[in-house]
Amino acid sequence: MAALRKGAYFLVGLLLLPSSLAAAYSTISQIIHSGDFRQTILFFLIGFASYLTFFVAFRKPLRAYIVGHELTHALWVFLFRGKVHEIRLSGRQGRIKATKRNTLIALAPYFFPLYTLLLITAYSLARRWIHFGNYYRVVVFAIGFTWSFHLLLNIFILRRGQDDLKFSGSFFSLVLIVLLNLLVLGLIMAFVSEGITLKSYVSGLTRDVVGFYTAIGRALGLR
């Protein structure tokens, strides 16, 4: 039964792989053609590169990462109407005890950039009372910085091996993580960039994913 379950997840991972490739193409293409590269997107990239420099030059802030990692697990347990009985942090490890566990709960910290989304939420609330003006670019810089933290620390941690990936199989989990990170990046770009809207991003993404699968079908002689 366990072997059948793993085989099913592996097959789903194979089927999702073209979606990841199409999402990568669509997201990058829409960013490049947004017409906003020299405005907000540039500050996002500067923020991303700033943390990249920090990541290479200094010690990894694993404590901050682990706290965010376990809190993200807990948040997704709540989203699935489960209960968290314990959150344990010790040294460079953490764990939670909860009443629910599924693929999204297990993988949430790897695609859900908690600190970035907290920053976006705080900004969205604050701008109701504060006019940021050109300081909005500082917010975009911080969003790029925190998303870089999320991405680079996850790559660093995943290279060490993580039990979270074993729940649904490593191949399926990695494909899903890549796909969801690309979707989250696209949604962040729709938030920070004036040249990309949620509607235009979803429309372009849908077109490219459908086009990718259609091309594969034609190559295989399916249509």
Protein backbone atom coordinates (compact mmCIF):
# COMPACT_ATOMS: atom_id res chain seq x y z
CA MET A 1 0.00 0.00 0.00
CA ALA A 2 2.81 2.40 0.88
CA ALA A 3 4.60 1.58 -2.38
CA LEU A 4 1.39 2.24 -4.33
CA ARG A 5 0.96 5.57 -2.58
CA LYS A 6 4.54 6.60 -3.36
CA GLY A 7 4.11 5.53 -6.97
CA ALA A 8 0.95 7.63 -7.29
CA TYR A 9 2.70 10.70 -5.90
CA PHE A 10 5.62 10.15 -8.27
CA LEU A 11 3.25 9.97 -11.23
CA VAL A 12 1.48 13.18 -10.15
CA GLY A 13 4.89 14.82 -9.82
CA LEU A 14 5.69 13.86 -13.42
CA LEU A 15 2.37 15.30 -14.57
CA LEU A 16 3.04 18.54 -12.67
CA LEU A 17 6.57 18.95 -14.00
CA PRO A 18 5.44 20.68 -17.22
CA SER A 19 3.37 23.07 -15.11
CA SER A 20 6.50 24.07 -13.21
CA LEU A 21 8.39 24.72 -16.45
CA ALA A 22 5.47 26.68 -17.89
CA ALA A 23 5.07 28.68 -14.67
CA ALA A 24 8.78 29.54 -14.70
CA TYR A 25 8.55 30.76 -18.29
CA SER A 26 5.32 32.68 -17.70
CA THR A 27 6.42 34.36 -14.47
CA ILE A 28 9.83 35.44 -15.77
CA SER A 29 8.36 36.55 -19.09
CA GLN A 30 5.68 38.69 -17.43
CA ILE A 31 8.26 40.30 -15.14
CA ILE A 32 10.52 41.16 -18.08
CA HIS A 33 7.67 42.57 -20.17
CA SER A 34 5.91 44.37 -17.32
CA GLY A 35 7.30 47.78 -18.29
CA ASP A 36 7.99 48.35 -14.61
CA PHE A 37 11.51 46.98 -14.44
CA ARG A 38 13.22 50.29 -13.65
CA GLN A 39 10.66 51.20 -11.04
CA THR A 40 9.49 48.82 -8.31
CA ILE A 41 10.83 45.55 -9.74
CA LEU A 42 14.37 46.93 -9.69
CA PHE A 43 14.07 47.63 -5.96
CA PHE A 44 12.74 44.12 -5.39
CA LEU A 45 15.80 42.71 -7.17
CA ILE A 46 18.15 44.97 -5.18
CA GLY A 47 16.53 43.69 -1.99
CA PHE A 48 16.92 40.11 -3.20
CA ALA A 49 20.59 40.66 -4.07
CA SER A 50 21.23 42.35 -0.72
CA TYR A 51 20.19 39.29 1.23
CA LEU A 52 22.07 37.08 -1.23
CA THR A 53 25.23 39.01 -0.33
CA PHE A 54 24.43 38.63 3.37
CA PHE A 55 23.77 34.90 2.86
CA VAL A 56 27.15 34.34 1.22
CA ALA A 57 29.22 36.57 3.50
CA PHE A 58 27.84 35.87 6.98
CA ARG A 59 26.49 33.11 9.19
CA LYS A 60 23.07 31.79 8.27
CA PRO A 61 20.32 33.10 10.61
CA LEU A 62 18.99 29.61 11.20
CA ARG A 63 17.21 30.50 14.43
CA ALA A 64 15.03 33.07 12.66
CA TYR A 65 14.43 30.58 9.85
CA ILE A 66 13.43 27.74 12.20
CA VAL A 67 11.00 29.98 14.10
CA GLY A 68 9.31 30.98 10.84
CA HIS A 69 9.40 27.37 9.61
CA GLU A 70 7.57 25.93 12.60
CA LEU A 71 5.11 28.83 12.81
CA THR A 72 4.25 28.23 9.16
CA HIS A 73 3.55 24.56 9.87
CA ALA A 74 1.32 25.67 12.74
CA LEU A 75 -0.51 28.27 10.64
CA TRP A 76 -1.35 25.69 7.97
CA VAL A 77 -2.55 23.26 10.62
CA PHE A 78 -4.99 25.98 11.72
CA LEU A 79 -6.01 26.62 8.10
CA PHE A 80 -6.99 22.96 7.85
CA ARG A 81 -8.92 23.27 11.12
CA GLY A 82 -6.48 21.24 13.14
CA LYS A 83 -5.01 21.92 16.57
CA VAL A 84 -1.38 22.50 17.54
CA HIS A 85 -0.50 20.98 20.89
CA GLU A 86 3.17 21.93 21.02
CA ILE A 87 5.82 23.93 19.18
CA ARG A 88 9.33 22.95 20.19
CA LEU A 89 12.46 24.91 19.24
CA SER A 90 15.89 23.65 20.21
CA GLY A 91 19.20 24.72 18.74
CA ARG A 92 19.02 24.27 14.99
CA GLN A 93 15.90 22.10 15.03
CA GLY A 94 12.21 22.53 15.58
CA ARG A 95 9.06 20.44 15.59
CA ILE A 96 5.37 20.73 16.21
CA LYS A 97 2.78 18.31 17.53
CA ALA A 98 -0.57 18.71 15.81
CA THR A 99 -3.80 16.85 15.14
CA LYS A 100 -3.54 17.15 11.36
CA ARG A 101 -0.88 16.49 8.77
CA ASN A 102 -1.11 16.50 5.00
CA THR A 103 1.05 17.39 2.01
CA LEU A 104 0.42 21.14 2.18
CA ILE A 105 0.99 21.28 5.94
CA ALA A 106 4.25 19.34 5.55
CA LEU A 107 5.53 21.49 2.67
CA ALA A 108 4.11 24.91 3.63
CA PRO A 109 7.36 26.40 4.99
CA TYR A 110 9.08 25.73 1.68
CA PHE A 111 6.63 27.71 -0.47
CA PHE A 112 4.85 30.04 1.96
CA PRO A 113 7.21 32.99 2.70
CA LEU A 114 5.89 33.87 6.15
CA TYR A 115 8.04 36.94 6.82
CA THR A 116 7.38 38.34 3.34
CA LEU A 117 3.63 37.91 3.68
CA LEU A 118 3.64 39.42 7.17
CA LEU A 119 5.45 42.44 5.73
CA ILE A 120 2.94 42.73 2.87
CA THR A 121 0.05 42.46 5.33
CA ALA A 122 1.55 45.12 7.63
CA TYR A 123 2.11 47.46 4.69
CA SER A 124 -1.41 46.89 3.35
CA LEU A 125 -2.86 47.85 6.73
CA ALA A 126 -0.50 50.79 7.31
CA ARG A 127 -1.14 52.44 3.96
CA ARG A 128 -4.73 53.06 4.99
CA TRP A 129 -3.41 55.72 7.32
CA ILE A 130 0.08 56.48 6.01
CA HIS A 131 1.01 57.87 2.61
CA PHE A 132 4.29 56.17 1.72
CA GLY A 133 5.01 58.01 -1.53
CA ASN A 134 8.52 57.19 -2.76
CA TYR A 135 9.14 55.25 0.46
CA TYR A 136 7.06 52.50 -1.12
CA ARG A 137 10.29 51.49 -2.84
CA VAL A 138 11.79 50.79 0.57
CA VAL A 139 8.90 48.43 1.23
CA VAL A 140 9.51 46.72 -2.12
CA PHE A 141 13.21 46.42 -1.22
CA ALA A 142 12.23 44.77 2.08
CA ILE A 143 9.86 42.40 0.29
CA GLY A 144 12.69 41.36 -2.05
CA PHE A 145 15.04 40.97 0.93
CA THR A 146 12.66 38.74 2.90
CA TRP A 147 11.71 36.65 -0.13
CA SER A 148 15.41 36.08 -0.78
CA PHE A 149 15.73 34.97 2.86
CA HIS A 150 12.87 32.51 2.31
CA LEU A 151 14.23 31.11 -0.94
CA LEU A 152 17.93 30.84 -0.07
CA LEU A 153 17.46 29.41 3.43
CA ASN A 154 15.03 26.82 2.08
CA ILE A 155 17.54 25.74 -0.57
CA PHE A 156 20.23 25.58 2.13
CA ILE A 157 18.01 23.47 4.41
CA LEU A 158 16.69 21.18 1.67
CA ARG A 159 20.20 20.30 0.59
CA ARG A 160 20.70 18.81 4.06
CA GLY A 161 17.63 16.60 3.64
CA GLN A 162 14.26 17.12 5.31
CA ASP A 163 11.78 14.60 6.65
CA ASP A 164 8.93 16.87 5.50
CA LEU A 165 9.57 15.76 1.92
CA LYS A 166 9.19 12.09 2.80
CA PHE A 167 5.49 12.49 3.59
CA SER A 168 4.54 12.61 -0.11
CA GLY A 169 7.82 11.52 -1.68
CA SER A 170 10.84 13.68 -2.44
CA PHE A 171 10.28 13.99 -6.21
CA PHE A 172 6.64 15.04 -5.96
CA SER A 173 7.41 17.36 -3.05
CA LEU A 174 10.24 19.14 -4.86
CA VAL A 175 8.18 19.61 -8.02
CA LEU A 176 5.29 21.03 -5.98
CA ILE A 177 7.62 23.30 -3.99
CA VAL A 178 9.11 24.74 -7.19
CA LEU A 179 5.68 25.23 -8.77
CA LEU A 180 4.15 26.92 -5.73
CA ASN A 181 7.18 29.16 -5.19
CA LEU A 182 6.85 30.38 -8.78
CA LEU A 183 3.15 31.07 -8.27
CA VAL A 184 3.83 32.94 -5.04
CA LEU A 185 6.55 34.99 -6.76
CA GLY A 186 4.07 35.88 -9.51
CA LEU A 187 1.49 36.97 -6.94
CA ILE A 188 4.12 39.07 -5.13
CA MET A 189 5.03 40.72 -8.44
CA ALA A 190 1.35 41.46 -9.04
CA PHE A 191 1.34 43.20 -5.66
CA VAL A 192 4.50 45.27 -6.03
CA SER A 193 4.47 46.06 -9.76
CA GLU A 194 2.19 48.49 -11.53
CA GLY A 195 2.81 46.64 -14.79
CA ILE A 196 1.45 43.30 -13.54
CA THR A 197 -2.04 42.81 -12.15
CA LEU A 198 -3.50 39.72 -10.54
CA LYS A 199 -5.83 39.30 -13.52
CA SER A 200 -3.08 39.69 -16.12
CA TYR A 201 -0.75 37.32 -14.25
CA VAL A 202 -3.35 34.57 -13.86
CA SER A 203 -4.46 35.01 -17.48
CA GLY A 204 -0.91 34.82 -18.82
CA LEU A 205 -0.05 31.89 -16.56
CA THR A 206 -3.14 29.94 -17.64
CA ARG A 207 -2.38 30.59 -21.32
CA ASP A 208 1.22 29.44 -20.99
CA VAL A 209 0.42 26.32 -18.96
CA VAL A 210 -2.32 25.24 -21.37
CA GLY A 211 -0.03 26.00 -24.31
CA PHE A 212 2.77 23.95 -22.79
CA TYR A 213 0.58 20.88 -22.24
CA THR A 214 -0.92 21.29 -25.72
CA ALA A 215 2.56 21.32 -27.26
CA ILE A 216 3.51 18.18 -25.32
CA GLY A 217 0.31 16.48 -26.47
CA ARG A 218 1.06 17.31 -30.09
CA ALA A 219 4.65 16.10 -29.75
CA LEU A 220 3.36 12.79 -28.40
CA GLY A 221 0.80 12.57 -31.20
CA LEU A 222 -2.14 12.81 -28.82
CA ARG A 223 -3.88 15.49 -30.89
